[in-house]
Amino acid sequence: MKLLALDTSTEACSCALYLDGAIEDRSVIAPREHANLILQQANELLTEADLKPTQLDGLAFGRGPGSFTGLRIACGVIQGIAFAADIPVAPISSLATLAQGAYLELGAEHVLAAIDARMREVYWGSYVIDNQGIMLCQDEERVCAPQAVSLSTSGQWYGVGSGWATYGDILTEKLEPAVQGYQGEKYPQARAIIPLALAAFQKGQIVSAEKALPVYLRNQVV
């Protein structure tokens, strides 16, 4: 399978190309530069692989939650490629991508993903790895004050994401002794989207270009 994935939901701007088991990617921390960088990253990966968008089997993108501007950029780019090449899209949760990255990089199997939502809130989700190596959400993803986060299952958990960088003390105090540690300087990466997207394609959880839309979680989008 040939799959192109991208994520611009947070400060990180990343793109990954999956070619029959191999992954090449580009990633940079560049707030407010995503619009200039993401197409360049995609073009570089496709050029190096000697591929045209029409030769791809599918696309995937970080659908949110995250930065409103970043989500619109990712959605616009994905829709443009999908319309032009007439290929399906797998919208992937940015929180799930964070959790998948924690599993791939750190071996964490129980992950609390938190992205700083500003306005003294966090985007929040809890994830557990399944027997296929895919992170599954244990509760509905939500946006809430860090003091309002909760866990519906027991066990030892590892926290990742900018929400932990901003509110690590509050979250740890709220959830102790369940939290065994956290890393706040982690962002959703397109490389971690790949296994989630492959699973989505296998399950038929894909959409056409016009239905590849952001998920903000917050009702009021300014």
N, C-alpha and C. Protein backbone atom coordinates (compact mmCIF):
# COMPACT_ATOMS: atom_id res chain seq x y z
N MET A 1 0.84 -1.21 0.00
CA MET A 1 0.00 0.00 0.00
C MET A 1 0.87 1.24 0.00
N LYS A 2 0.40 2.28 -0.66
CA LYS A 2 1.09 3.57 -0.72
C LYS A 2 0.19 4.61 -0.05
N LEU A 3 0.69 5.18 1.05
CA LEU A 3 -0.14 6.05 1.87
C LEU A 3 0.65 7.29 2.29
N LEU A 4 0.05 8.46 2.10
CA LEU A 4 0.65 9.72 2.53
C LEU A 4 -0.13 10.26 3.71
N ALA A 5 0.58 10.60 4.80
CA ALA A 5 -0.06 11.12 6.00
C ALA A 5 0.56 12.44 6.40
N LEU A 6 -0.24 13.32 6.99
CA LEU A 6 0.29 14.59 7.46
C LEU A 6 -0.42 15.04 8.72
N ASP A 7 0.28 15.86 9.51
CA ASP A 7 -0.31 16.40 10.73
C ASP A 7 0.22 17.82 10.97
N THR A 8 -0.71 18.76 11.12
CA THR A 8 -0.35 20.14 11.47
C THR A 8 -1.24 20.62 12.62
N SER A 9 -1.63 19.71 13.48
CA SER A 9 -2.60 20.03 14.54
C SER A 9 -1.99 20.77 15.72
N THR A 10 -0.66 20.74 15.86
CA THR A 10 0.00 21.41 16.98
C THR A 10 1.21 22.18 16.46
N GLU A 11 2.17 22.45 17.32
CA GLU A 11 3.37 23.18 16.90
C GLU A 11 4.20 22.39 15.90
N ALA A 12 4.06 21.08 15.88
CA ALA A 12 4.82 20.24 14.96
C ALA A 12 4.13 20.18 13.60
N CYS A 13 4.94 20.24 12.56
CA CYS A 13 4.46 20.08 11.18
C CYS A 13 5.16 18.85 10.62
N SER A 14 4.37 17.83 10.26
CA SER A 14 5.01 16.58 9.83
C SER A 14 4.25 15.92 8.70
N CYS A 15 5.00 15.16 7.91
CA CYS A 15 4.44 14.42 6.79
C CYS A 15 5.18 13.09 6.70
N ALA A 16 4.47 12.02 6.37
CA ALA A 16 5.08 10.70 6.27
C ALA A 16 4.54 9.96 5.06
N LEU A 17 5.40 9.19 4.43
CA LEU A 17 5.02 8.38 3.28
C LEU A 17 5.28 6.92 3.59
N TYR A 18 4.23 6.11 3.47
CA TYR A 18 4.33 4.67 3.71
C TYR A 18 4.32 3.95 2.37
N LEU A 19 5.35 3.15 2.13
CA LEU A 19 5.45 2.39 0.89
C LEU A 19 5.68 0.92 1.21
N ASP A 20 4.61 0.16 1.24
CA ASP A 20 4.70 -1.29 1.41
C ASP A 20 5.60 -1.71 2.56
N GLY A 21 5.40 -1.09 3.71
CA GLY A 21 6.13 -1.48 4.91
C GLY A 21 7.22 -0.53 5.35
N ALA A 22 7.67 0.34 4.47
CA ALA A 22 8.73 1.30 4.80
C ALA A 22 8.12 2.69 4.98
N ILE A 23 8.67 3.45 5.93
CA ILE A 23 8.17 4.80 6.20
C ILE A 23 9.30 5.81 6.09
N GLU A 24 9.08 6.86 5.32
CA GLU A 24 9.96 8.02 5.29
C GLU A 24 9.15 9.21 5.78
N ASP A 25 9.78 10.10 6.52
CA ASP A 25 9.01 11.23 7.03
C ASP A 25 9.83 12.51 7.12
N ARG A 26 9.12 13.59 7.32
CA ARG A 26 9.69 14.92 7.56
C ARG A 26 8.94 15.50 8.75
N SER A 27 9.66 16.14 9.66
CA SER A 27 9.02 16.75 10.81
C SER A 27 9.85 17.92 11.32
N VAL A 28 9.15 18.99 11.68
CA VAL A 28 9.83 20.16 12.22
C VAL A 28 8.89 20.87 13.18
N ILE A 29 9.44 21.41 14.26
CA ILE A 29 8.65 22.23 15.18
C ILE A 29 8.71 23.66 14.64
N ALA A 30 7.59 24.13 14.10
CA ALA A 30 7.59 25.43 13.43
C ALA A 30 6.21 26.07 13.54
N PRO A 31 5.86 26.61 14.71
CA PRO A 31 4.56 27.25 14.87
C PRO A 31 4.36 28.37 13.84
N ARG A 32 3.16 28.44 13.30
CA ARG A 32 2.76 29.48 12.35
C ARG A 32 3.43 29.38 10.99
N GLU A 33 4.16 28.29 10.73
CA GLU A 33 4.78 28.11 9.42
C GLU A 33 4.23 26.89 8.67
N HIS A 34 3.21 26.27 9.21
CA HIS A 34 2.70 25.03 8.63
C HIS A 34 2.24 25.20 7.18
N ALA A 35 1.59 26.31 6.90
CA ALA A 35 1.06 26.52 5.55
C ALA A 35 2.18 26.54 4.51
N ASN A 36 3.34 27.04 4.90
CA ASN A 36 4.47 27.11 3.97
C ASN A 36 5.24 25.80 3.89
N LEU A 37 5.17 24.98 4.93
CA LEU A 37 6.04 23.81 5.03
C LEU A 37 5.40 22.50 4.58
N ILE A 38 4.10 22.33 4.84
CA ILE A 38 3.53 20.99 4.69
C ILE A 38 3.53 20.51 3.24
N LEU A 39 3.22 21.37 2.29
CA LEU A 39 3.25 20.94 0.89
C LEU A 39 4.68 20.65 0.43
N GLN A 40 5.61 21.44 0.95
CA GLN A 40 7.03 21.18 0.62
C GLN A 40 7.44 19.81 1.12
N GLN A 41 7.06 19.47 2.35
CA GLN A 41 7.39 18.15 2.90
C GLN A 41 6.78 17.04 2.06
N ALA A 42 5.52 17.20 1.70
CA ALA A 42 4.84 16.18 0.90
C ALA A 42 5.49 16.02 -0.47
N ASN A 43 5.80 17.14 -1.10
CA ASN A 43 6.42 17.09 -2.43
C ASN A 43 7.79 16.42 -2.38
N GLU A 44 8.56 16.71 -1.33
CA GLU A 44 9.88 16.09 -1.18
C GLU A 44 9.76 14.58 -1.07
N LEU A 45 8.85 14.11 -0.23
CA LEU A 45 8.70 12.68 -0.03
C LEU A 45 8.23 11.98 -1.30
N LEU A 46 7.28 12.57 -2.00
CA LEU A 46 6.78 11.97 -3.23
C LEU A 46 7.83 11.98 -4.33
N THR A 47 8.59 13.07 -4.42
CA THR A 47 9.64 13.17 -5.44
C THR A 47 10.73 12.14 -5.21
N GLU A 48 11.16 12.00 -3.95
CA GLU A 48 12.21 11.03 -3.63
C GLU A 48 11.76 9.60 -3.90
N ALA A 49 10.46 9.35 -3.76
CA ALA A 49 9.94 8.00 -4.03
C ALA A 49 9.52 7.83 -5.48
N ASP A 50 9.68 8.90 -6.27
CA ASP A 50 9.29 8.88 -7.68
C ASP A 50 7.81 8.50 -7.84
N LEU A 51 6.99 9.16 -7.04
CA LEU A 51 5.56 8.91 -7.05
C LEU A 51 4.79 10.19 -7.37
N LYS A 52 3.65 10.02 -8.01
CA LYS A 52 2.69 11.09 -8.20
C LYS A 52 1.51 10.84 -7.25
N PRO A 53 0.80 11.89 -6.86
CA PRO A 53 -0.35 11.69 -5.96
C PRO A 53 -1.35 10.66 -6.49
N THR A 54 -1.52 10.59 -7.80
CA THR A 54 -2.48 9.64 -8.38
C THR A 54 -2.05 8.19 -8.20
N GLN A 55 -0.78 7.97 -7.83
CA GLN A 55 -0.30 6.61 -7.60
C GLN A 55 -0.48 6.15 -6.16
N LEU A 56 -0.94 7.07 -5.30
CA LEU A 56 -1.18 6.73 -3.91
C LEU A 56 -2.48 5.93 -3.79
N ASP A 57 -2.52 5.05 -2.79
CA ASP A 57 -3.74 4.30 -2.51
C ASP A 57 -4.64 5.04 -1.54
N GLY A 58 -4.05 5.94 -0.76
CA GLY A 58 -4.86 6.66 0.21
C GLY A 58 -4.09 7.77 0.90
N LEU A 59 -4.84 8.56 1.64
CA LEU A 59 -4.29 9.67 2.41
C LEU A 59 -4.77 9.56 3.85
N ALA A 60 -4.05 10.21 4.76
CA ALA A 60 -4.47 10.29 6.16
C ALA A 60 -4.02 11.62 6.72
N PHE A 61 -4.78 12.13 7.68
CA PHE A 61 -4.37 13.40 8.29
C PHE A 61 -4.85 13.47 9.73
N GLY A 62 -4.15 14.28 10.53
CA GLY A 62 -4.55 14.52 11.91
C GLY A 62 -5.76 15.43 11.92
N ARG A 63 -6.93 14.87 12.24
CA ARG A 63 -8.19 15.60 12.13
C ARG A 63 -8.48 16.48 13.33
N GLY A 64 -7.63 16.39 14.35
CA GLY A 64 -7.86 17.14 15.57
C GLY A 64 -8.19 16.20 16.71
N PRO A 65 -8.33 16.77 17.88
CA PRO A 65 -8.36 18.20 18.18
C PRO A 65 -6.96 18.82 18.15
N GLY A 66 -6.95 20.15 18.15
CA GLY A 66 -5.69 20.86 18.12
C GLY A 66 -5.90 22.31 17.71
N SER A 67 -4.86 22.91 17.19
CA SER A 67 -4.93 24.29 16.74
C SER A 67 -5.97 24.44 15.63
N PHE A 68 -6.87 25.39 15.78
CA PHE A 68 -7.90 25.59 14.77
C PHE A 68 -7.28 25.89 13.41
N THR A 69 -6.29 26.78 13.39
CA THR A 69 -5.64 27.13 12.13
C THR A 69 -4.91 25.92 11.55
N GLY A 70 -4.18 25.20 12.39
CA GLY A 70 -3.45 24.03 11.93
C GLY A 70 -4.36 22.97 11.35
N LEU A 71 -5.52 22.75 11.98
CA LEU A 71 -6.46 21.75 11.48
C LEU A 71 -7.03 22.15 10.13
N ARG A 72 -7.29 23.43 9.95
CA ARG A 72 -7.82 23.88 8.66
C ARG A 72 -6.78 23.74 7.56
N ILE A 73 -5.51 23.97 7.91
CA ILE A 73 -4.44 23.80 6.91
C ILE A 73 -4.37 22.34 6.47
N ALA A 74 -4.32 21.42 7.43
CA ALA A 74 -4.24 19.99 7.10
C ALA A 74 -5.44 19.55 6.28
N CYS A 75 -6.62 20.01 6.69
CA CYS A 75 -7.83 19.62 5.98
C CYS A 75 -7.82 20.14 4.55
N GLY A 76 -7.40 21.40 4.36
CA GLY A 76 -7.36 21.98 3.03
C GLY A 76 -6.40 21.26 2.10
N VAL A 77 -5.22 20.92 2.62
CA VAL A 77 -4.22 20.22 1.81
C VAL A 77 -4.72 18.83 1.44
N ILE A 78 -5.22 18.10 2.43
CA ILE A 78 -5.71 16.74 2.18
C ILE A 78 -6.87 16.73 1.20
N GLN A 79 -7.81 17.65 1.39
CA GLN A 79 -8.94 17.70 0.46
C GLN A 79 -8.48 18.01 -0.95
N GLY A 80 -7.51 18.93 -1.09
CA GLY A 80 -7.00 19.27 -2.41
C GLY A 80 -6.38 18.08 -3.12
N ILE A 81 -5.54 17.34 -2.40
CA ILE A 81 -4.89 16.16 -2.99
C ILE A 81 -5.93 15.08 -3.29
N ALA A 82 -6.84 14.86 -2.35
CA ALA A 82 -7.84 13.80 -2.51
C ALA A 82 -8.77 14.08 -3.68
N PHE A 83 -9.20 15.32 -3.83
CA PHE A 83 -10.05 15.67 -4.97
C PHE A 83 -9.31 15.48 -6.28
N ALA A 84 -8.07 16.00 -6.34
CA ALA A 84 -7.31 15.96 -7.60
C ALA A 84 -6.95 14.53 -8.00
N ALA A 85 -6.60 13.70 -7.01
CA ALA A 85 -6.15 12.33 -7.31
C ALA A 85 -7.27 11.30 -7.20
N ASP A 86 -8.42 11.73 -6.68
CA ASP A 86 -9.57 10.84 -6.52
C ASP A 86 -9.22 9.62 -5.67
N ILE A 87 -8.72 9.89 -4.45
CA ILE A 87 -8.34 8.82 -3.53
C ILE A 87 -8.98 9.04 -2.17
N PRO A 88 -9.21 7.97 -1.40
CA PRO A 88 -9.90 8.08 -0.11
C PRO A 88 -8.98 8.59 1.00
N VAL A 89 -9.62 9.02 2.08
CA VAL A 89 -8.91 9.64 3.20
C VAL A 89 -9.30 8.96 4.51
N ALA A 90 -8.29 8.78 5.38
CA ALA A 90 -8.55 8.31 6.74
C ALA A 90 -8.29 9.46 7.71
N PRO A 91 -9.35 10.07 8.28
CA PRO A 91 -9.14 11.10 9.31
C PRO A 91 -8.75 10.43 10.62
N ILE A 92 -7.65 10.89 11.23
CA ILE A 92 -7.12 10.23 12.42
C ILE A 92 -7.04 11.23 13.58
N SER A 93 -7.48 10.81 14.74
CA SER A 93 -7.44 11.65 15.92
C SER A 93 -6.01 12.07 16.26
N SER A 94 -5.83 13.34 16.54
CA SER A 94 -4.51 13.83 16.95
C SER A 94 -4.11 13.29 18.32
N LEU A 95 -5.09 13.10 19.19
CA LEU A 95 -4.81 12.51 20.50
C LEU A 95 -4.40 11.05 20.37
N ALA A 96 -5.09 10.32 19.50
CA ALA A 96 -4.71 8.92 19.25
C ALA A 96 -3.31 8.85 18.65
N THR A 97 -2.98 9.81 17.79
CA THR A 97 -1.65 9.85 17.19
C THR A 97 -0.59 10.08 18.26
N LEU A 98 -0.87 10.98 19.20
CA LEU A 98 0.04 11.19 20.33
C LEU A 98 0.27 9.89 21.09
N ALA A 99 -0.82 9.19 21.39
CA ALA A 99 -0.73 7.94 22.14
C ALA A 99 0.04 6.88 21.35
N GLN A 100 -0.23 6.79 20.05
CA GLN A 100 0.47 5.81 19.21
C GLN A 100 1.96 6.10 19.18
N GLY A 101 2.31 7.38 19.12
CA GLY A 101 3.72 7.77 19.15
C GLY A 101 4.39 7.38 20.45
N ALA A 102 3.66 7.51 21.56
CA ALA A 102 4.22 7.11 22.86
C ALA A 102 4.50 5.62 22.91
N TYR A 103 3.63 4.84 22.28
CA TYR A 103 3.85 3.40 22.22
C TYR A 103 5.06 3.07 21.34
N LEU A 104 5.14 3.71 20.18
CA LEU A 104 6.23 3.42 19.24
C LEU A 104 7.58 3.87 19.77
N GLU A 105 7.61 5.02 20.44
CA GLU A 105 8.88 5.59 20.90
C GLU A 105 9.27 5.14 22.30
N LEU A 106 8.28 4.96 23.17
CA LEU A 106 8.57 4.71 24.58
C LEU A 106 8.11 3.34 25.07
N GLY A 107 7.33 2.65 24.25
CA GLY A 107 6.79 1.37 24.67
C GLY A 107 5.64 1.48 25.65
N ALA A 108 5.08 2.69 25.80
CA ALA A 108 3.97 2.90 26.72
C ALA A 108 2.70 2.26 26.16
N GLU A 109 2.02 1.46 26.98
CA GLU A 109 0.82 0.75 26.52
C GLU A 109 -0.47 1.33 27.10
N HIS A 110 -0.35 2.15 28.13
CA HIS A 110 -1.49 2.85 28.72
C HIS A 110 -1.12 4.34 28.73
N VAL A 111 -1.78 5.11 27.89
CA VAL A 111 -1.33 6.48 27.64
C VAL A 111 -2.46 7.49 27.88
N LEU A 112 -2.10 8.56 28.56
CA LEU A 112 -2.99 9.70 28.75
C LEU A 112 -2.49 10.83 27.86
N ALA A 113 -3.20 11.08 26.77
CA ALA A 113 -2.79 12.10 25.81
C ALA A 113 -3.48 13.42 26.12
N ALA A 114 -2.70 14.48 26.20
CA ALA A 114 -3.26 15.79 26.53
C ALA A 114 -2.59 16.86 25.68
N ILE A 115 -3.40 17.63 24.97
CA ILE A 115 -2.91 18.76 24.18
C ILE A 115 -3.43 20.04 24.82
N ASP A 116 -2.55 21.01 25.01
CA ASP A 116 -2.95 22.29 25.57
C ASP A 116 -3.98 22.95 24.64
N ALA A 117 -5.19 23.15 25.14
CA ALA A 117 -6.27 23.73 24.34
C ALA A 117 -6.40 25.23 24.55
N ARG A 118 -5.47 25.83 25.29
CA ARG A 118 -5.55 27.24 25.67
C ARG A 118 -6.80 27.44 26.52
N MET A 119 -7.10 28.69 26.85
CA MET A 119 -8.29 29.02 27.65
C MET A 119 -8.37 28.17 28.92
N ARG A 120 -7.18 27.79 29.46
CA ARG A 120 -7.08 27.01 30.69
C ARG A 120 -7.78 25.65 30.59
N GLU A 121 -7.68 25.04 29.39
CA GLU A 121 -8.28 23.73 29.16
C GLU A 121 -7.30 22.82 28.43
N VAL A 122 -7.62 21.54 28.43
CA VAL A 122 -6.83 20.55 27.68
C VAL A 122 -7.76 19.70 26.82
N TYR A 123 -7.24 19.29 25.66
CA TYR A 123 -7.89 18.21 24.91
C TYR A 123 -7.36 16.92 25.52
N TRP A 124 -8.26 15.99 25.82
CA TRP A 124 -7.90 14.85 26.68
C TRP A 124 -8.45 13.53 26.15
N GLY A 125 -7.63 12.49 26.25
CA GLY A 125 -8.08 11.15 25.90
C GLY A 125 -7.20 10.10 26.55
N SER A 126 -7.79 8.96 26.90
CA SER A 126 -7.01 7.85 27.48
C SER A 126 -7.03 6.69 26.49
N TYR A 127 -5.86 6.04 26.32
CA TYR A 127 -5.69 5.02 25.27
C TYR A 127 -4.96 3.81 25.80
N VAL A 128 -5.36 2.65 25.29
CA VAL A 128 -4.71 1.39 25.64
C VAL A 128 -4.39 0.65 24.35
N ILE A 129 -3.22 0.03 24.29
CA ILE A 129 -2.80 -0.69 23.09
C ILE A 129 -3.59 -1.99 22.96
N ASP A 130 -3.98 -2.35 21.73
CA ASP A 130 -4.66 -3.63 21.53
C ASP A 130 -3.67 -4.68 21.05
N ASN A 131 -4.16 -5.88 20.74
CA ASN A 131 -3.24 -6.96 20.37
C ASN A 131 -2.70 -6.81 18.95
N GLN A 132 -3.16 -5.79 18.23
CA GLN A 132 -2.62 -5.50 16.91
C GLN A 132 -1.63 -4.34 16.94
N GLY A 133 -1.34 -3.84 18.14
CA GLY A 133 -0.41 -2.73 18.27
C GLY A 133 -1.02 -1.38 17.93
N ILE A 134 -2.34 -1.26 18.11
CA ILE A 134 -3.04 -0.03 17.79
C ILE A 134 -3.63 0.56 19.06
N MET A 135 -3.45 1.87 19.27
CA MET A 135 -4.00 2.54 20.43
C MET A 135 -5.50 2.75 20.27
N LEU A 136 -6.26 2.33 21.26
CA LEU A 136 -7.72 2.47 21.24
C LEU A 136 -8.16 3.39 22.38
N CYS A 137 -9.05 4.31 22.06
CA CYS A 137 -9.57 5.25 23.06
C CYS A 137 -10.47 4.52 24.04
N GLN A 138 -10.28 4.79 25.32
CA GLN A 138 -11.06 4.13 26.36
C GLN A 138 -12.31 4.91 26.76
N ASP A 139 -12.31 6.19 26.52
CA ASP A 139 -13.46 7.05 26.78
C ASP A 139 -13.57 8.03 25.61
N GLU A 140 -14.61 8.82 25.58
CA GLU A 140 -14.73 9.83 24.55
C GLU A 140 -13.66 10.90 24.74
N GLU A 141 -13.06 11.33 23.65
CA GLU A 141 -12.16 12.46 23.71
C GLU A 141 -12.95 13.71 24.09
N ARG A 142 -12.31 14.59 24.85
CA ARG A 142 -13.04 15.77 25.29
C ARG A 142 -12.11 16.94 25.55
N VAL A 143 -12.71 18.10 25.74
CA VAL A 143 -11.97 19.28 26.14
C VAL A 143 -12.52 19.70 27.50
N CYS A 144 -11.60 19.94 28.45
CA CYS A 144 -12.03 20.26 29.80
C CYS A 144 -10.90 20.96 30.54
N ALA A 145 -11.21 21.48 31.71
CA ALA A 145 -10.18 22.03 32.57
C ALA A 145 -9.30 20.89 33.08
N PRO A 146 -8.00 21.13 33.29
CA PRO A 146 -7.14 20.04 33.77
C PRO A 146 -7.61 19.47 35.11
N GLN A 147 -8.28 20.28 35.89
CA GLN A 147 -8.78 19.81 37.19
C GLN A 147 -9.96 18.85 37.02
N ALA A 148 -10.53 18.80 35.80
CA ALA A 148 -11.74 17.98 35.58
C ALA A 148 -11.45 16.66 34.87
N VAL A 149 -10.18 16.37 34.57
CA VAL A 149 -9.88 15.11 33.89
C VAL A 149 -10.16 13.95 34.82
N SER A 150 -10.43 12.79 34.22
CA SER A 150 -10.73 11.61 35.04
C SER A 150 -10.31 10.35 34.31
N LEU A 151 -10.27 9.25 35.05
CA LEU A 151 -9.96 7.93 34.51
C LEU A 151 -11.07 6.96 34.88
N SER A 152 -11.51 6.18 33.89
CA SER A 152 -12.58 5.22 34.16
C SER A 152 -12.03 3.82 34.43
N THR A 153 -10.72 3.64 34.18
CA THR A 153 -10.10 2.34 34.41
C THR A 153 -8.85 2.50 35.27
N SER A 154 -8.49 1.46 35.97
CA SER A 154 -7.34 1.50 36.86
C SER A 154 -6.07 1.16 36.10
N GLY A 155 -4.97 1.10 36.82
CA GLY A 155 -3.70 0.75 36.20
C GLY A 155 -2.70 1.89 36.25
N GLN A 156 -1.55 1.65 35.67
CA GLN A 156 -0.49 2.64 35.60
C GLN A 156 -0.47 3.28 34.22
N TRP A 157 -0.42 4.59 34.17
CA TRP A 157 -0.54 5.33 32.92
C TRP A 157 0.65 6.25 32.72
N TYR A 158 0.91 6.54 31.44
CA TYR A 158 2.00 7.47 31.09
C TYR A 158 1.38 8.63 30.30
N GLY A 159 1.75 9.85 30.67
CA GLY A 159 1.18 11.03 30.03
C GLY A 159 2.10 11.59 28.96
N VAL A 160 1.50 12.04 27.86
CA VAL A 160 2.27 12.70 26.79
C VAL A 160 1.46 13.86 26.23
N GLY A 161 2.19 14.86 25.73
CA GLY A 161 1.55 15.97 25.06
C GLY A 161 1.73 17.30 25.77
N SER A 162 1.45 18.36 25.03
CA SER A 162 1.67 19.72 25.54
C SER A 162 0.78 20.05 26.73
N GLY A 163 -0.34 19.35 26.88
CA GLY A 163 -1.17 19.55 28.07
C GLY A 163 -0.42 19.20 29.34
N TRP A 164 0.44 18.21 29.24
CA TRP A 164 1.27 17.83 30.39
C TRP A 164 2.38 18.84 30.63
N ALA A 165 2.90 19.44 29.57
CA ALA A 165 3.93 20.47 29.73
C ALA A 165 3.37 21.67 30.49
N THR A 166 2.11 22.02 30.21
CA THR A 166 1.50 23.19 30.82
C THR A 166 0.89 22.89 32.18
N TYR A 167 0.26 21.72 32.32
CA TYR A 167 -0.51 21.42 33.53
C TYR A 167 -0.08 20.12 34.19
N GLY A 168 1.20 19.75 34.03
CA GLY A 168 1.68 18.49 34.57
C GLY A 168 1.45 18.33 36.06
N ASP A 169 1.69 19.38 36.83
CA ASP A 169 1.51 19.29 38.28
C ASP A 169 0.05 19.06 38.65
N ILE A 170 -0.84 19.79 37.99
CA ILE A 170 -2.27 19.65 38.27
C ILE A 170 -2.76 18.26 37.89
N LEU A 171 -2.37 17.80 36.69
CA LEU A 171 -2.83 16.49 36.21
C LEU A 171 -2.29 15.37 37.09
N THR A 172 -1.02 15.46 37.48
CA THR A 172 -0.42 14.43 38.32
C THR A 172 -1.11 14.36 39.67
N GLU A 173 -1.36 15.52 40.27
CA GLU A 173 -2.03 15.56 41.57
C GLU A 173 -3.46 15.01 41.47
N LYS A 174 -4.14 15.35 40.39
CA LYS A 174 -5.51 14.91 40.19
C LYS A 174 -5.60 13.39 40.03
N LEU A 175 -4.62 12.79 39.34
CA LEU A 175 -4.71 11.39 38.94
C LEU A 175 -3.82 10.45 39.75
N GLU A 176 -3.00 10.99 40.65
CA GLU A 176 -2.12 10.09 41.41
C GLU A 176 -2.96 9.08 42.19
N PRO A 177 -2.41 7.84 42.37
CA PRO A 177 -1.08 7.36 41.99
C PRO A 177 -1.03 6.68 40.62
N ALA A 178 -2.01 6.95 39.77
CA ALA A 178 -2.09 6.23 38.49
C ALA A 178 -1.02 6.65 37.49
N VAL A 179 -0.51 7.88 37.62
CA VAL A 179 0.46 8.41 36.64
C VAL A 179 1.87 8.02 37.04
N GLN A 180 2.54 7.24 36.18
CA GLN A 180 3.89 6.80 36.50
C GLN A 180 4.95 7.72 35.92
N GLY A 181 4.53 8.67 35.09
CA GLY A 181 5.45 9.63 34.50
C GLY A 181 4.81 10.31 33.31
N TYR A 182 5.48 11.34 32.80
CA TYR A 182 4.95 12.01 31.61
C TYR A 182 6.05 12.76 30.87
N GLN A 183 5.79 13.02 29.59
CA GLN A 183 6.66 13.84 28.76
C GLN A 183 5.80 14.89 28.07
N GLY A 184 6.04 16.14 28.42
CA GLY A 184 5.24 17.22 27.87
C GLY A 184 5.67 17.67 26.48
N GLU A 185 6.94 17.47 26.15
CA GLU A 185 7.45 17.93 24.86
C GLU A 185 7.26 16.88 23.78
N LYS A 186 6.06 16.39 23.65
CA LYS A 186 5.71 15.43 22.62
C LYS A 186 4.53 15.97 21.81
N TYR A 187 4.61 15.77 20.50
CA TYR A 187 3.57 16.27 19.61
C TYR A 187 3.11 15.16 18.68
N PRO A 188 1.87 15.26 18.16
CA PRO A 188 1.44 14.28 17.16
C PRO A 188 2.36 14.32 15.94
N GLN A 189 2.74 13.15 15.45
CA GLN A 189 3.65 13.05 14.31
C GLN A 189 3.02 12.19 13.23
N ALA A 190 3.21 12.59 11.98
CA ALA A 190 2.63 11.86 10.86
C ALA A 190 3.10 10.40 10.83
N ARG A 191 4.33 10.15 11.25
CA ARG A 191 4.83 8.77 11.28
C ARG A 191 3.94 7.88 12.14
N ALA A 192 3.45 8.42 13.26
CA ALA A 192 2.60 7.65 14.15
C ALA A 192 1.17 7.52 13.62
N ILE A 193 0.80 8.36 12.66
CA ILE A 193 -0.51 8.24 12.03
C ILE A 193 -0.58 6.96 11.18
N ILE A 194 0.54 6.56 10.61
CA ILE A 194 0.55 5.47 9.63
C ILE A 194 -0.12 4.20 10.14
N PRO A 195 0.29 3.62 11.30
CA PRO A 195 -0.38 2.38 11.73
C PRO A 195 -1.86 2.58 12.02
N LEU A 196 -2.24 3.74 12.53
CA LEU A 196 -3.65 4.03 12.78
C LEU A 196 -4.42 4.11 11.46
N ALA A 197 -3.80 4.73 10.46
CA ALA A 197 -4.45 4.87 9.15
C ALA A 197 -4.58 3.52 8.45
N LEU A 198 -3.55 2.69 8.53
CA LEU A 198 -3.63 1.36 7.92
C LEU A 198 -4.76 0.55 8.54
N ALA A 199 -4.91 0.66 9.86
CA ALA A 199 -6.01 -0.04 10.54
C ALA A 199 -7.35 0.53 10.09
N ALA A 200 -7.42 1.85 9.92
CA ALA A 200 -8.67 2.48 9.47
C ALA A 200 -9.05 2.02 8.06
N PHE A 201 -8.07 1.94 7.18
CA PHE A 201 -8.34 1.47 5.82
C PHE A 201 -8.81 0.02 5.84
N GLN A 202 -8.18 -0.79 6.68
CA GLN A 202 -8.56 -2.20 6.77
C GLN A 202 -10.00 -2.37 7.24
N LYS A 203 -10.42 -1.46 8.15
CA LYS A 203 -11.78 -1.54 8.69
C LYS A 203 -12.79 -0.77 7.86
N GLY A 204 -12.33 -0.12 6.80
CA GLY A 204 -13.23 0.66 5.97
C GLY A 204 -13.63 2.00 6.58
N GLN A 205 -12.84 2.48 7.55
CA GLN A 205 -13.14 3.75 8.21
C GLN A 205 -12.49 4.90 7.45
N ILE A 206 -12.92 5.07 6.21
CA ILE A 206 -12.35 6.08 5.32
C ILE A 206 -13.49 6.92 4.73
N VAL A 207 -13.11 8.08 4.23
CA VAL A 207 -14.11 9.01 3.69
C VAL A 207 -13.61 9.57 2.36
N SER A 208 -14.54 10.19 1.64
CA SER A 208 -14.18 10.90 0.42
C SER A 208 -13.66 12.29 0.78
N ALA A 209 -13.12 12.99 -0.21
CA ALA A 209 -12.47 14.28 0.04
C ALA A 209 -13.37 15.27 0.77
N GLU A 210 -14.62 15.39 0.31
CA GLU A 210 -15.50 16.41 0.89
C GLU A 210 -15.90 16.11 2.33
N LYS A 211 -15.69 14.87 2.78
CA LYS A 211 -16.04 14.50 4.14
C LYS A 211 -14.81 14.43 5.06
N ALA A 212 -13.66 14.81 4.54
CA ALA A 212 -12.43 14.85 5.35
C ALA A 212 -12.40 16.18 6.09
N LEU A 213 -13.00 16.21 7.27
CA LEU A 213 -13.23 17.45 8.00
C LEU A 213 -12.53 17.45 9.36
N PRO A 214 -12.21 18.63 9.88
CA PRO A 214 -11.58 18.71 11.20
C PRO A 214 -12.56 18.36 12.31
N VAL A 215 -12.01 17.94 13.44
CA VAL A 215 -12.78 17.74 14.66
C VAL A 215 -12.18 18.65 15.72
N TYR A 216 -12.98 19.64 16.15
CA TYR A 216 -12.45 20.66 17.07
C TYR A 216 -12.68 20.31 18.53
N LEU A 217 -13.73 19.55 18.84
CA LEU A 217 -14.20 19.25 20.19
C LEU A 217 -14.82 20.46 20.87
N ARG A 218 -14.19 21.61 20.77
CA ARG A 218 -14.75 22.82 21.39
C ARG A 218 -15.85 23.34 20.47
N ASN A 219 -17.02 23.60 21.04
CA ASN A 219 -18.17 24.04 20.24
C ASN A 219 -17.95 25.39 19.59
N GLN A 220 -17.33 26.29 20.33
CA GLN A 220 -17.14 27.64 19.80
C GLN A 220 -15.76 27.76 19.18
N VAL A 221 -15.71 27.93 17.88
CA VAL A 221 -14.44 28.07 17.16
C VAL A 221 -14.27 29.53 16.77
N VAL A 222 -13.25 30.16 17.31
CA VAL A 222 -13.01 31.58 17.04
C VAL A 222 -11.95 31.69 15.95
